[in-house]
Amino acid sequence: MPRFEDLLDAFWDGSTEYGVQPPLTDQRVQQAEQALKAALPASLLGLLRQRNGGRVAAGLRAFPTSAPTSWADDHVPFAYLMGIGQRDRTLSLLDSAYLIEEWGLPTSLVLLSGDGPCWIGLDYRTGPTPTVGWFDADSGLEPPLAASFQDFVEGLTDPGTYG
């Protein structure tokens, strides 16, 4: 499994500006953490300081699962990572409260990626250090994916490896 540090330079798909927010500042991080009522993982902020959201590199757009989900028997998609900002027609981590209410999801989440009814998010229900999970609003399934955001990134794989 690749180390997080080794994935930093290869994480983003630089061929498109889809989903990219304006460059991240310390002030924007502070405002976001206050609005979200959560401290965001340093590993997430490191990626967002490189590029504030957008499409993930093609070889990192899936995460393996040990049990079937509504998406597939063995993985979930991760095509993009939301950034922090308020660009029109672009989802942001700041949209989490609205999306959580709209889809009836647990309130202690920060959504990272998805397209209702299925989302990948940071789950703060177990404490200040979030795990990463899959949240399916239709089925109510909430399988955990990774113990941390860093572990999640290190586990990302190429969706082409799945049947």
Foldseek 3Di string as FASTA:
>chain_A
DDALVVCLVQWADPPDCAQFAPADDPVLQVVLCVLLVARADPSVVSSCNVTFKDFTHQFFFWFFDPADDPVGGTIDTRGMFHGGDDDPPHDHLSCQQVVCVVLVHDSQWRFTDDDPPKTWTFHCPVHRATFIWIAGSVVRDTDTRGGHVSRRSVRGGRPVVDD
